[in-house]
Amino acid sequence: MGCVWRMESRPARDRRRLLPAAVIRAGPWHHGPVKSRWIAGYDAQGETETADVERMRRLAASEPDPWLRTLPLHFTASALVVHPDSGRVLLRWHQRQRRWLQVGGHGDQGETDPLRIALREAAEETGLPDLRPWPDAAVRHAVICAVAPGKGEPAHEHADLRYFMATRDPGAVRPEHPQAPLRWLTIDGARALVGANNLRQTLDRAELLLAAGPPRRRP
């Protein structure tokens, strides 16, 4: 597991009010240079992620809409929210999976940019108005994970593209609803909650970046 998705939706005008400015500037993913840059440039780590990325490349090349939820394998986008000053990360309780996970989910109709999707979902699920890609807009982990059947959906797989998003105001978090509480945790505390879930590898990557501190500015 480790993938996230949500069944509910909002009117587009309500969702747009929640979007950080970085979302509005995002461009298309499935067509043109953004697609080719991610496909050609992502550096998978280890045999499992390498195999997952190869499947993602085949999915992107063969399907006109690789985000379509009726596909047995389709893309999702998610975000691990971090507070760099304290080194903490934010996890959300997902009632359907009965797990603490990162925020994120499916693209809405017409959406194709994974960064935009991850930012929108993160803003909706956390209420944080200042989220920004951190330390940059790169995909940080690419994972294919199995999803059990439920709520009328058969068993399927998510090709999840994971980003890191940062906030300067961790106290501004607001759960989307009472059944989806949020918790700020140290990396070790988050590891204890997620156990052997593949989110553990995402946390490992975030820990390395948090330990490195802010990027140095060029003179």
N, C-alpha and C. Protein backbone atom coordinates (compact mmCIF):
# COMPACT_ATOMS: atom_id res chain seq x y z
N MET A 1 0.84 -1.20 0.00
CA MET A 1 0.00 0.00 0.00
C MET A 1 0.87 1.25 0.00
N GLY A 2 0.43 2.31 0.68
CA GLY A 2 1.16 3.55 0.67
C GLY A 2 0.61 4.52 -0.34
N CYS A 3 -0.27 4.06 -1.23
CA CYS A 3 -0.94 4.96 -2.16
C CYS A 3 -2.17 5.53 -1.48
N VAL A 4 -2.60 6.67 -1.98
CA VAL A 4 -3.73 7.34 -1.38
C VAL A 4 -4.74 7.71 -2.46
N TRP A 5 -6.02 7.74 -2.09
CA TRP A 5 -7.04 8.18 -3.03
C TRP A 5 -8.26 8.57 -2.24
N ARG A 6 -9.11 9.39 -2.87
CA ARG A 6 -10.32 9.84 -2.21
C ARG A 6 -11.48 9.74 -3.18
N MET A 7 -12.64 9.42 -2.63
CA MET A 7 -13.83 9.24 -3.46
C MET A 7 -14.62 10.53 -3.60
N GLU A 8 -14.53 11.43 -2.60
CA GLU A 8 -15.36 12.62 -2.64
C GLU A 8 -14.77 13.65 -3.58
N SER A 9 -15.56 14.64 -3.98
CA SER A 9 -15.07 15.71 -4.84
C SER A 9 -15.76 17.01 -4.45
N ARG A 10 -15.16 18.13 -4.88
CA ARG A 10 -15.73 19.44 -4.63
C ARG A 10 -16.01 20.14 -5.94
N PRO A 11 -16.91 21.14 -5.93
CA PRO A 11 -17.02 21.97 -7.12
C PRO A 11 -15.69 22.61 -7.43
N ALA A 12 -15.40 22.77 -8.74
CA ALA A 12 -14.11 23.29 -9.15
C ALA A 12 -13.84 24.67 -8.57
N ARG A 13 -14.86 25.52 -8.46
CA ARG A 13 -14.63 26.88 -7.95
C ARG A 13 -14.19 26.84 -6.50
N ASP A 14 -14.70 25.86 -5.70
CA ASP A 14 -14.29 25.76 -4.31
C ASP A 14 -12.86 25.24 -4.21
N ARG A 15 -12.51 24.27 -5.04
CA ARG A 15 -11.16 23.72 -5.00
C ARG A 15 -10.14 24.79 -5.36
N ARG A 16 -10.45 25.62 -6.36
CA ARG A 16 -9.48 26.61 -6.83
C ARG A 16 -9.13 27.60 -5.75
N ARG A 17 -10.08 27.92 -4.87
CA ARG A 17 -9.78 28.86 -3.79
C ARG A 17 -8.74 28.32 -2.84
N LEU A 18 -8.60 26.98 -2.78
CA LEU A 18 -7.65 26.36 -1.87
C LEU A 18 -6.26 26.22 -2.48
N LEU A 19 -6.11 26.47 -3.76
CA LEU A 19 -4.86 26.16 -4.43
C LEU A 19 -3.78 27.18 -4.11
N PRO A 20 -2.56 26.71 -3.76
CA PRO A 20 -1.44 27.64 -3.65
C PRO A 20 -1.10 28.23 -5.01
N ALA A 21 -0.39 29.36 -4.99
CA ALA A 21 -0.06 30.03 -6.25
C ALA A 21 0.74 29.13 -7.17
N ALA A 22 1.59 28.26 -6.59
CA ALA A 22 2.43 27.39 -7.42
C ALA A 22 1.59 26.46 -8.28
N VAL A 23 0.38 26.12 -7.82
CA VAL A 23 -0.48 25.25 -8.61
C VAL A 23 -0.90 25.94 -9.89
N ILE A 24 -1.27 27.19 -9.79
CA ILE A 24 -1.79 27.91 -10.94
C ILE A 24 -0.73 28.01 -12.04
N ARG A 25 0.55 28.02 -11.63
CA ARG A 25 1.62 28.16 -12.61
C ARG A 25 2.02 26.83 -13.24
N ALA A 26 1.52 25.70 -12.70
CA ALA A 26 1.96 24.40 -13.21
C ALA A 26 1.47 24.19 -14.64
N GLY A 27 2.24 23.44 -15.43
CA GLY A 27 1.90 23.19 -16.83
C GLY A 27 1.43 21.76 -17.04
N PRO A 28 1.13 21.39 -18.27
CA PRO A 28 0.63 20.04 -18.56
C PRO A 28 1.71 18.98 -18.34
N TRP A 29 1.30 17.77 -18.03
CA TRP A 29 2.25 16.70 -17.78
C TRP A 29 2.29 15.69 -18.92
N HIS A 30 1.13 15.26 -19.39
CA HIS A 30 1.11 14.12 -20.29
C HIS A 30 1.63 14.46 -21.68
N HIS A 31 1.65 15.71 -22.05
CA HIS A 31 2.10 16.10 -23.38
C HIS A 31 3.33 16.99 -23.28
N GLY A 32 4.20 16.88 -24.28
CA GLY A 32 5.28 17.84 -24.42
C GLY A 32 6.45 17.63 -23.48
N PRO A 33 7.22 18.70 -23.22
CA PRO A 33 8.52 18.57 -22.56
C PRO A 33 8.45 18.09 -21.13
N VAL A 34 7.35 18.39 -20.40
CA VAL A 34 7.28 17.95 -19.01
C VAL A 34 7.26 16.43 -18.96
N LYS A 35 6.47 15.82 -19.83
CA LYS A 35 6.42 14.35 -19.88
C LYS A 35 7.80 13.77 -20.20
N SER A 36 8.44 14.24 -21.27
CA SER A 36 9.69 13.65 -21.69
C SER A 36 10.78 13.89 -20.65
N ARG A 37 10.75 15.05 -19.97
CA ARG A 37 11.76 15.33 -18.96
C ARG A 37 11.62 14.36 -17.79
N TRP A 38 10.40 14.09 -17.35
CA TRP A 38 10.24 13.16 -16.23
C TRP A 38 10.59 11.74 -16.64
N ILE A 39 10.09 11.32 -17.78
CA ILE A 39 10.34 9.95 -18.22
C ILE A 39 11.83 9.71 -18.42
N ALA A 40 12.51 10.66 -19.03
CA ALA A 40 13.92 10.46 -19.34
C ALA A 40 14.82 10.74 -18.15
N GLY A 41 14.42 11.64 -17.28
CA GLY A 41 15.34 12.14 -16.27
C GLY A 41 15.20 11.58 -14.88
N TYR A 42 14.11 10.87 -14.57
CA TYR A 42 13.94 10.39 -13.20
C TYR A 42 14.96 9.30 -12.89
N ASP A 43 15.61 9.42 -11.75
CA ASP A 43 16.67 8.49 -11.35
C ASP A 43 16.12 7.53 -10.31
N ALA A 44 15.66 6.36 -10.77
CA ALA A 44 15.12 5.36 -9.85
C ALA A 44 16.23 4.78 -8.99
N GLN A 45 15.87 4.39 -7.77
CA GLN A 45 16.83 3.84 -6.83
C GLN A 45 16.45 2.40 -6.50
N GLY A 46 17.30 1.46 -6.85
CA GLY A 46 17.06 0.06 -6.51
C GLY A 46 16.23 -0.66 -7.56
N GLU A 47 16.22 -1.98 -7.44
CA GLU A 47 15.54 -2.81 -8.44
C GLU A 47 14.03 -2.60 -8.45
N THR A 48 13.43 -2.50 -7.28
CA THR A 48 11.97 -2.37 -7.22
C THR A 48 11.50 -1.08 -7.87
N GLU A 49 12.12 0.04 -7.50
CA GLU A 49 11.69 1.32 -8.09
C GLU A 49 12.02 1.36 -9.58
N THR A 50 13.15 0.78 -9.99
CA THR A 50 13.48 0.75 -11.41
C THR A 50 12.41 0.02 -12.21
N ALA A 51 11.95 -1.12 -11.68
CA ALA A 51 10.90 -1.87 -12.36
C ALA A 51 9.59 -1.09 -12.37
N ASP A 52 9.27 -0.42 -11.26
CA ASP A 52 8.05 0.38 -11.20
C ASP A 52 8.09 1.52 -12.21
N VAL A 53 9.22 2.20 -12.32
CA VAL A 53 9.33 3.32 -13.25
C VAL A 53 9.22 2.85 -14.70
N GLU A 54 9.76 1.69 -15.01
CA GLU A 54 9.62 1.16 -16.36
C GLU A 54 8.15 0.91 -16.68
N ARG A 55 7.39 0.38 -15.74
CA ARG A 55 5.96 0.18 -15.96
C ARG A 55 5.24 1.52 -16.13
N MET A 56 5.64 2.52 -15.35
CA MET A 56 5.04 3.84 -15.49
C MET A 56 5.33 4.44 -16.87
N ARG A 57 6.53 4.26 -17.35
CA ARG A 57 6.87 4.78 -18.68
C ARG A 57 6.02 4.11 -19.75
N ARG A 58 5.83 2.81 -19.63
CA ARG A 58 4.99 2.11 -20.61
C ARG A 58 3.54 2.58 -20.51
N LEU A 59 3.07 2.81 -19.29
CA LEU A 59 1.70 3.30 -19.10
C LEU A 59 1.54 4.67 -19.75
N ALA A 60 2.49 5.58 -19.50
CA ALA A 60 2.40 6.93 -20.06
C ALA A 60 2.47 6.92 -21.57
N ALA A 61 3.23 5.99 -22.14
CA ALA A 61 3.40 5.93 -23.59
C ALA A 61 2.22 5.28 -24.30
N SER A 62 1.48 4.42 -23.59
CA SER A 62 0.46 3.61 -24.26
C SER A 62 -0.97 4.10 -24.04
N GLU A 63 -1.20 4.89 -22.99
CA GLU A 63 -2.56 5.30 -22.67
C GLU A 63 -2.77 6.79 -22.96
N PRO A 64 -3.82 7.15 -23.70
CA PRO A 64 -4.11 8.58 -23.91
C PRO A 64 -4.36 9.33 -22.61
N ASP A 65 -4.98 8.65 -21.64
CA ASP A 65 -5.23 9.26 -20.33
C ASP A 65 -4.78 8.28 -19.25
N PRO A 66 -3.50 8.32 -18.85
CA PRO A 66 -3.01 7.36 -17.87
C PRO A 66 -3.50 7.61 -16.45
N TRP A 67 -4.30 8.71 -16.25
CA TRP A 67 -4.89 8.99 -14.93
C TRP A 67 -6.28 8.38 -14.78
N LEU A 68 -6.79 7.76 -15.83
CA LEU A 68 -8.16 7.27 -15.84
C LEU A 68 -8.35 6.19 -14.79
N ARG A 69 -9.32 6.38 -13.91
CA ARG A 69 -9.47 5.49 -12.76
C ARG A 69 -9.99 4.12 -13.13
N THR A 70 -10.53 3.96 -14.32
CA THR A 70 -11.00 2.64 -14.73
C THR A 70 -9.87 1.75 -15.23
N LEU A 71 -8.68 2.29 -15.43
CA LEU A 71 -7.54 1.47 -15.83
C LEU A 71 -7.07 0.62 -14.65
N PRO A 72 -6.67 -0.61 -14.89
CA PRO A 72 -6.19 -1.45 -13.79
C PRO A 72 -4.92 -0.91 -13.14
N LEU A 73 -4.15 -0.13 -13.91
CA LEU A 73 -3.00 0.62 -13.39
C LEU A 73 -3.15 2.04 -13.87
N HIS A 74 -3.21 3.00 -12.95
CA HIS A 74 -3.32 4.41 -13.34
C HIS A 74 -2.53 5.27 -12.36
N PHE A 75 -2.21 6.47 -12.83
CA PHE A 75 -1.39 7.37 -12.02
C PHE A 75 -2.19 8.02 -10.91
N THR A 76 -1.51 8.25 -9.80
CA THR A 76 -1.96 9.14 -8.73
C THR A 76 -0.77 10.04 -8.37
N ALA A 77 -1.04 11.07 -7.60
CA ALA A 77 0.03 11.98 -7.17
C ALA A 77 -0.17 12.30 -5.70
N SER A 78 0.91 12.33 -4.95
CA SER A 78 0.80 12.58 -3.52
C SER A 78 1.95 13.43 -3.03
N ALA A 79 1.85 13.86 -1.78
CA ALA A 79 2.85 14.76 -1.21
C ALA A 79 3.11 14.40 0.25
N LEU A 80 4.38 14.35 0.59
CA LEU A 80 4.77 14.31 1.99
C LEU A 80 5.04 15.75 2.41
N VAL A 81 4.21 16.27 3.30
CA VAL A 81 4.33 17.65 3.76
C VAL A 81 5.36 17.71 4.88
N VAL A 82 6.29 18.66 4.77
CA VAL A 82 7.35 18.81 5.75
C VAL A 82 7.38 20.23 6.30
N HIS A 83 7.91 20.35 7.53
CA HIS A 83 8.21 21.65 8.11
C HIS A 83 9.71 21.68 8.31
N PRO A 84 10.45 22.25 7.35
CA PRO A 84 11.92 22.15 7.40
C PRO A 84 12.54 22.70 8.68
N ASP A 85 11.97 23.75 9.28
CA ASP A 85 12.59 24.35 10.46
C ASP A 85 12.62 23.39 11.64
N SER A 86 11.61 22.56 11.77
CA SER A 86 11.55 21.62 12.90
C SER A 86 11.91 20.19 12.51
N GLY A 87 12.02 19.92 11.20
CA GLY A 87 12.33 18.58 10.75
C GLY A 87 11.17 17.60 10.86
N ARG A 88 9.95 18.13 11.02
CA ARG A 88 8.79 17.25 11.18
C ARG A 88 8.08 17.03 9.85
N VAL A 89 7.29 15.97 9.81
CA VAL A 89 6.48 15.64 8.64
C VAL A 89 5.03 15.49 9.08
N LEU A 90 4.11 15.66 8.12
CA LEU A 90 2.68 15.62 8.40
C LEU A 90 2.07 14.37 7.80
N LEU A 91 1.36 13.60 8.61
CA LEU A 91 0.64 12.42 8.12
C LEU A 91 -0.84 12.59 8.37
N ARG A 92 -1.63 11.96 7.52
CA ARG A 92 -3.09 12.01 7.58
C ARG A 92 -3.63 10.61 7.80
N TRP A 93 -4.64 10.49 8.65
CA TRP A 93 -5.31 9.21 8.86
C TRP A 93 -6.26 8.94 7.70
N HIS A 94 -6.07 7.81 7.03
CA HIS A 94 -6.94 7.40 5.92
C HIS A 94 -7.84 6.27 6.41
N GLN A 95 -9.11 6.63 6.58
CA GLN A 95 -10.06 5.71 7.21
C GLN A 95 -10.23 4.43 6.40
N ARG A 96 -10.29 4.54 5.08
CA ARG A 96 -10.54 3.36 4.26
C ARG A 96 -9.40 2.35 4.39
N GLN A 97 -8.16 2.84 4.38
CA GLN A 97 -7.02 1.94 4.51
C GLN A 97 -6.66 1.62 5.95
N ARG A 98 -7.22 2.42 6.89
CA ARG A 98 -6.89 2.27 8.30
C ARG A 98 -5.38 2.46 8.50
N ARG A 99 -4.84 3.50 7.88
CA ARG A 99 -3.41 3.77 7.96
C ARG A 99 -3.13 5.28 8.05
N TRP A 100 -1.99 5.60 8.65
CA TRP A 100 -1.45 6.95 8.57
C TRP A 100 -0.58 7.01 7.32
N LEU A 101 -0.89 7.94 6.42
CA LEU A 101 -0.21 8.04 5.14
C LEU A 101 0.03 9.50 4.78
N GLN A 102 0.70 9.72 3.67
CA GLN A 102 0.86 11.05 3.11
C GLN A 102 -0.47 11.50 2.50
N VAL A 103 -0.55 12.75 2.13
CA VAL A 103 -1.76 13.26 1.48
C VAL A 103 -1.61 13.12 -0.03
N GLY A 104 -2.75 13.09 -0.72
CA GLY A 104 -2.72 13.00 -2.18
C GLY A 104 -3.88 12.20 -2.71
N GLY A 105 -3.85 11.91 -4.02
CA GLY A 105 -4.93 11.14 -4.59
C GLY A 105 -4.99 11.22 -6.10
N HIS A 106 -6.19 11.05 -6.63
CA HIS A 106 -6.42 10.99 -8.07
C HIS A 106 -6.49 12.39 -8.68
N GLY A 107 -6.22 12.45 -9.96
CA GLY A 107 -6.48 13.66 -10.71
C GLY A 107 -7.97 13.80 -10.99
N ASP A 108 -8.45 15.03 -10.96
CA ASP A 108 -9.82 15.29 -11.37
C ASP A 108 -9.89 15.29 -12.90
N GLN A 109 -11.12 15.24 -13.41
CA GLN A 109 -11.29 15.23 -14.86
C GLN A 109 -10.61 16.44 -15.48
N GLY A 110 -9.79 16.18 -16.50
CA GLY A 110 -9.08 17.24 -17.19
C GLY A 110 -7.71 17.57 -16.61
N GLU A 111 -7.40 17.08 -15.42
CA GLU A 111 -6.09 17.33 -14.84
C GLU A 111 -5.07 16.32 -15.38
N THR A 112 -3.88 16.80 -15.66
CA THR A 112 -2.84 15.92 -16.20
C THR A 112 -1.48 16.13 -15.55
N ASP A 113 -1.32 17.18 -14.77
CA ASP A 113 -0.02 17.54 -14.20
C ASP A 113 0.09 16.97 -12.79
N PRO A 114 1.04 16.04 -12.53
CA PRO A 114 1.11 15.43 -11.20
C PRO A 114 1.46 16.42 -10.10
N LEU A 115 2.29 17.41 -10.40
CA LEU A 115 2.61 18.40 -9.38
C LEU A 115 1.38 19.20 -9.00
N ARG A 116 0.60 19.60 -9.99
CA ARG A 116 -0.63 20.34 -9.70
C ARG A 116 -1.60 19.50 -8.88
N ILE A 117 -1.73 18.23 -9.24
CA ILE A 117 -2.64 17.34 -8.52
C ILE A 117 -2.18 17.18 -7.07
N ALA A 118 -0.88 16.94 -6.88
CA ALA A 118 -0.37 16.76 -5.53
C ALA A 118 -0.56 18.01 -4.68
N LEU A 119 -0.31 19.19 -5.26
CA LEU A 119 -0.50 20.44 -4.54
C LEU A 119 -1.97 20.68 -4.20
N ARG A 120 -2.85 20.42 -5.16
CA ARG A 120 -4.28 20.61 -4.89
C ARG A 120 -4.74 19.70 -3.77
N GLU A 121 -4.39 18.42 -3.87
CA GLU A 121 -4.82 17.46 -2.85
C GLU A 121 -4.25 17.82 -1.48
N ALA A 122 -2.98 18.22 -1.46
CA ALA A 122 -2.36 18.58 -0.19
C ALA A 122 -3.04 19.80 0.43
N ALA A 123 -3.36 20.80 -0.38
CA ALA A 123 -4.04 21.99 0.13
C ALA A 123 -5.43 21.64 0.66
N GLU A 124 -6.15 20.79 -0.07
CA GLU A 124 -7.49 20.41 0.36
C GLU A 124 -7.46 19.61 1.66
N GLU A 125 -6.51 18.72 1.78
CA GLU A 125 -6.52 17.79 2.92
C GLU A 125 -5.88 18.36 4.17
N THR A 126 -5.05 19.41 4.04
CA THR A 126 -4.38 19.98 5.19
C THR A 126 -4.85 21.38 5.55
N GLY A 127 -5.47 22.09 4.61
CA GLY A 127 -5.86 23.47 4.85
C GLY A 127 -4.70 24.45 4.84
N LEU A 128 -3.49 23.99 4.53
CA LEU A 128 -2.32 24.87 4.55
C LEU A 128 -2.30 25.75 3.30
N PRO A 129 -2.27 27.07 3.46
CA PRO A 129 -2.36 27.96 2.30
C PRO A 129 -1.02 28.26 1.64
N ASP A 130 0.09 27.89 2.27
CA ASP A 130 1.40 28.33 1.77
C ASP A 130 2.26 27.18 1.24
N LEU A 131 1.66 26.05 0.93
CA LEU A 131 2.44 24.90 0.50
C LEU A 131 3.21 25.22 -0.78
N ARG A 132 4.43 24.73 -0.82
CA ARG A 132 5.27 24.90 -2.01
C ARG A 132 6.11 23.64 -2.19
N PRO A 133 6.46 23.30 -3.42
CA PRO A 133 7.35 22.15 -3.62
C PRO A 133 8.68 22.39 -2.91
N TRP A 134 9.19 21.33 -2.28
CA TRP A 134 10.41 21.46 -1.48
C TRP A 134 11.32 20.27 -1.68
N PRO A 135 12.61 20.44 -1.81
CA PRO A 135 13.31 21.71 -2.01
C PRO A 135 13.15 22.24 -3.43
N ASP A 136 12.53 21.43 -4.29
CA ASP A 136 12.23 21.83 -5.66
C ASP A 136 11.01 21.01 -6.11
N ALA A 137 10.69 21.11 -7.39
CA ALA A 137 9.47 20.49 -7.91
C ALA A 137 9.69 19.09 -8.46
N ALA A 138 10.80 18.45 -8.11
CA ALA A 138 11.10 17.12 -8.64
C ALA A 138 10.26 16.04 -7.99
N VAL A 139 9.94 15.00 -8.76
CA VAL A 139 9.36 13.78 -8.17
C VAL A 139 10.41 13.18 -7.25
N ARG A 140 10.01 12.81 -6.04
CA ARG A 140 10.95 12.30 -5.05
C ARG A 140 10.88 10.80 -4.84
N HIS A 141 9.78 10.18 -5.24
CA HIS A 141 9.63 8.73 -5.09
C HIS A 141 8.55 8.29 -6.07
N ALA A 142 8.80 7.22 -6.80
CA ALA A 142 7.83 6.66 -7.74
C ALA A 142 7.54 5.23 -7.31
N VAL A 143 6.27 4.97 -7.00
CA VAL A 143 5.90 3.70 -6.39
C VAL A 143 4.64 3.14 -7.06
N ILE A 144 4.66 1.87 -7.40
CA ILE A 144 3.44 1.18 -7.81
C ILE A 144 3.00 0.32 -6.64
N CYS A 145 1.75 0.47 -6.23
CA CYS A 145 1.26 -0.30 -5.10
C CYS A 145 -0.14 -0.82 -5.36
N ALA A 146 -0.42 -1.96 -4.78
CA ALA A 146 -1.70 -2.64 -4.96
C ALA A 146 -2.76 -1.99 -4.09
N VAL A 147 -3.97 -1.88 -4.63
CA VAL A 147 -5.10 -1.31 -3.91
C VAL A 147 -6.20 -2.37 -3.84
N ALA A 148 -6.65 -2.65 -2.65
CA ALA A 148 -7.68 -3.67 -2.46
C ALA A 148 -9.03 -3.19 -2.99
N PRO A 149 -9.93 -4.10 -3.37
CA PRO A 149 -11.25 -3.67 -3.83
C PRO A 149 -12.04 -3.01 -2.71
N GLY A 150 -12.93 -2.10 -3.11
CA GLY A 150 -13.76 -1.42 -2.12
C GLY A 150 -14.55 -0.30 -2.75
N LYS A 151 -15.73 -0.02 -2.17
CA LYS A 151 -16.61 1.06 -2.62
C LYS A 151 -16.91 0.96 -4.11
N GLY A 152 -17.14 -0.26 -4.57
CA GLY A 152 -17.51 -0.48 -5.96
C GLY A 152 -16.35 -0.56 -6.92
N GLU A 153 -15.13 -0.39 -6.46
CA GLU A 153 -13.96 -0.48 -7.32
C GLU A 153 -13.30 -1.84 -7.18
N PRO A 154 -12.91 -2.47 -8.29
CA PRO A 154 -12.18 -3.73 -8.20
C PRO A 154 -10.75 -3.49 -7.73
N ALA A 155 -10.05 -4.56 -7.40
CA ALA A 155 -8.64 -4.43 -7.07
C ALA A 155 -7.90 -3.81 -8.26
N HIS A 156 -6.96 -2.93 -7.97
CA HIS A 156 -6.21 -2.27 -9.04
C HIS A 156 -4.88 -1.80 -8.47
N GLU A 157 -4.12 -1.06 -9.28
CA GLU A 157 -2.83 -0.56 -8.85
C GLU A 157 -2.73 0.94 -9.10
N HIS A 158 -2.01 1.60 -8.20
CA HIS A 158 -1.72 3.02 -8.35
C HIS A 158 -0.25 3.20 -8.71
N ALA A 159 0.00 3.99 -9.74
CA ALA A 159 1.36 4.43 -10.06
C ALA A 159 1.52 5.81 -9.42
N ASP A 160 2.03 5.82 -8.21
CA ASP A 160 2.02 7.03 -7.39
C ASP A 160 3.30 7.83 -7.54
N LEU A 161 3.16 9.10 -7.91
CA LEU A 161 4.27 10.03 -8.03
C LEU A 161 4.29 10.92 -6.80
N ARG A 162 5.36 10.85 -6.04
CA ARG A 162 5.41 11.51 -4.74
C ARG A 162 6.35 12.71 -4.75
N TYR A 163 5.85 13.79 -4.16
CA TYR A 163 6.60 15.03 -4.03
C TYR A 163 6.77 15.36 -2.55
N PHE A 164 7.68 16.29 -2.27
CA PHE A 164 7.78 16.89 -0.95
C PHE A 164 7.24 18.31 -1.04
N MET A 165 6.39 18.68 -0.07
CA MET A 165 5.83 20.03 0.01
C MET A 165 6.15 20.60 1.38
N ALA A 166 6.50 21.88 1.43
CA ALA A 166 6.87 22.52 2.68
C ALA A 166 5.89 23.62 3.06
N THR A 167 5.76 23.82 4.37
CA THR A 167 5.00 24.93 4.92
C THR A 167 5.87 25.66 5.93
N ARG A 168 5.63 26.95 6.08
CA ARG A 168 6.30 27.74 7.12
C ARG A 168 5.43 27.88 8.35
N ASP A 169 4.18 27.43 8.27
CA ASP A 169 3.22 27.65 9.37
C ASP A 169 2.53 26.33 9.72
N PRO A 170 3.21 25.44 10.43
CA PRO A 170 2.61 24.13 10.72
C PRO A 170 1.36 24.22 11.59
N GLY A 171 1.24 25.29 12.35
CA GLY A 171 0.06 25.44 13.21
C GLY A 171 -1.21 25.75 12.45
N ALA A 172 -1.09 26.03 11.15
CA ALA A 172 -2.28 26.39 10.36
C ALA A 172 -3.02 25.17 9.81
N VAL A 173 -2.57 23.96 10.12
CA VAL A 173 -3.23 22.78 9.56
C VAL A 173 -4.68 22.70 10.06
N ARG A 174 -5.55 22.29 9.16
CA ARG A 174 -6.96 22.08 9.47
C ARG A 174 -7.41 20.79 8.80
N PRO A 175 -7.78 19.77 9.57
CA PRO A 175 -8.24 18.52 8.95
C PRO A 175 -9.43 18.78 8.03
N GLU A 176 -9.47 18.02 6.96
CA GLU A 176 -10.56 18.17 6.00
C GLU A 176 -11.90 17.80 6.62
N HIS A 177 -11.91 16.80 7.49
CA HIS A 177 -13.10 16.41 8.23
C HIS A 177 -12.66 15.63 9.47
N PRO A 178 -13.55 15.41 10.45
CA PRO A 178 -13.13 14.78 11.70
C PRO A 178 -12.58 13.37 11.55
N GLN A 179 -12.95 12.68 10.49
CA GLN A 179 -12.46 11.32 10.28
C GLN A 179 -11.09 11.28 9.60
N ALA A 180 -10.49 12.44 9.37
CA ALA A 180 -9.19 12.51 8.70
C ALA A 180 -8.23 13.38 9.50
N PRO A 181 -7.92 13.00 10.75
CA PRO A 181 -7.02 13.82 11.56
C PRO A 181 -5.62 13.89 10.96
N LEU A 182 -4.91 14.92 11.36
CA LEU A 182 -3.55 15.16 10.89
C LEU A 182 -2.61 15.16 12.09
N ARG A 183 -1.38 14.68 11.88
CA ARG A 183 -0.40 14.66 12.96
C ARG A 183 0.97 15.09 12.45
N TRP A 184 1.56 16.07 13.14
CA TRP A 184 2.96 16.42 12.91
C TRP A 184 3.82 15.47 13.72
N LEU A 185 4.82 14.89 13.05
CA LEU A 185 5.66 13.87 13.69
C LEU A 185 7.12 14.06 13.31
N THR A 186 8.00 13.61 14.20
CA THR A 186 9.39 13.48 13.79
C THR A 186 9.48 12.36 12.76
N ILE A 187 10.60 12.29 12.05
CA ILE A 187 10.77 11.21 11.09
C ILE A 187 10.67 9.86 11.80
N ASP A 188 11.31 9.72 12.95
CA ASP A 188 11.25 8.45 13.68
C ASP A 188 9.83 8.14 14.12
N GLY A 189 9.10 9.16 14.56
CA GLY A 189 7.71 8.94 14.96
C GLY A 189 6.85 8.51 13.79
N ALA A 190 7.10 9.10 12.62
CA ALA A 190 6.35 8.71 11.42
C ALA A 190 6.70 7.28 11.02
N ARG A 191 7.96 6.91 11.10
CA ARG A 191 8.35 5.54 10.78
C ARG A 191 7.63 4.54 11.68
N ALA A 192 7.51 4.88 12.94
CA ALA A 192 6.85 3.98 13.88
C ALA A 192 5.39 3.76 13.50
N LEU A 193 4.74 4.79 12.95
CA LEU A 193 3.34 4.67 12.56
C LEU A 193 3.16 3.90 11.26
N VAL A 194 4.05 4.09 10.30
CA VAL A 194 3.84 3.49 8.98
C VAL A 194 4.39 2.07 8.90
N GLY A 195 5.28 1.67 9.81
CA GLY A 195 5.80 0.31 9.80
C GLY A 195 6.55 -0.01 8.53
N ALA A 196 6.20 -1.16 7.92
CA ALA A 196 6.89 -1.63 6.72
C ALA A 196 6.31 -1.05 5.43
N ASN A 197 5.32 -0.18 5.54
CA ASN A 197 4.73 0.45 4.36
C ASN A 197 5.81 1.12 3.52
N ASN A 198 5.61 1.15 2.18
CA ASN A 198 6.63 1.77 1.32
C ASN A 198 6.80 3.26 1.57
N LEU A 199 5.88 3.87 2.31
CA LEU A 199 6.07 5.26 2.71
C LEU A 199 7.34 5.41 3.55
N ARG A 200 7.78 4.34 4.16
CA ARG A 200 9.02 4.38 4.96
C ARG A 200 10.20 4.82 4.09
N GLN A 201 10.25 4.34 2.86
CA GLN A 201 11.33 4.75 1.96
C GLN A 201 11.22 6.23 1.60
N THR A 202 9.99 6.72 1.44
CA THR A 202 9.79 8.14 1.18
C THR A 202 10.30 8.96 2.36
N LEU A 203 10.02 8.49 3.57
CA LEU A 203 10.49 9.18 4.78
C LEU A 203 12.02 9.18 4.84
N ASP A 204 12.64 8.07 4.45
CA ASP A 204 14.11 8.02 4.44
C ASP A 204 14.68 9.10 3.53
N ARG A 205 14.08 9.29 2.37
CA ARG A 205 14.57 10.29 1.43
C ARG A 205 14.35 11.70 1.96
N ALA A 206 13.20 11.92 2.61
CA ALA A 206 12.95 13.23 3.21
C ALA A 206 13.95 13.51 4.33
N GLU A 207 14.27 12.50 5.11
CA GLU A 207 15.21 12.69 6.22
C GLU A 207 16.57 13.18 5.72
N LEU A 208 17.04 12.61 4.63
CA LEU A 208 18.34 13.02 4.08
C LEU A 208 18.33 14.49 3.67
N LEU A 209 17.24 14.93 3.06
CA LEU A 209 17.15 16.33 2.62
C LEU A 209 17.00 17.27 3.81
N LEU A 210 16.21 16.86 4.80
CA LEU A 210 16.04 17.69 6.00
C LEU A 210 17.36 17.84 6.74
N ALA A 211 18.13 16.76 6.81
CA ALA A 211 19.42 16.81 7.51
C ALA A 211 20.43 17.70 6.77
N ALA A 212 20.27 17.78 5.45
CA ALA A 212 21.21 18.60 4.66
C ALA A 212 20.97 20.08 4.84
N GLY A 213 19.79 20.47 5.34
CA GLY A 213 19.49 21.87 5.54
C GLY A 213 19.09 22.56 4.26
N PRO A 214 18.86 23.87 4.32
CA PRO A 214 18.43 24.62 3.13
C PRO A 214 19.51 24.62 2.07
N PRO A 215 19.11 24.63 0.79
CA PRO A 215 20.11 24.68 -0.28
C PRO A 215 20.91 25.98 -0.23
N ARG A 216 22.18 25.87 -0.54
CA ARG A 216 23.03 27.06 -0.56
C ARG A 216 22.75 27.90 -1.79
N ARG A 217 22.73 29.19 -1.58
CA ARG A 217 22.53 30.11 -2.70
C ARG A 217 23.86 30.34 -3.41
N ARG A 218 23.78 30.38 -4.71
CA ARG A 218 24.98 30.66 -5.49
C ARG A 218 25.39 32.11 -5.32
N PRO A 219 26.70 32.38 -5.21
CA PRO A 219 27.14 33.78 -5.07
C PRO A 219 26.88 34.57 -6.35
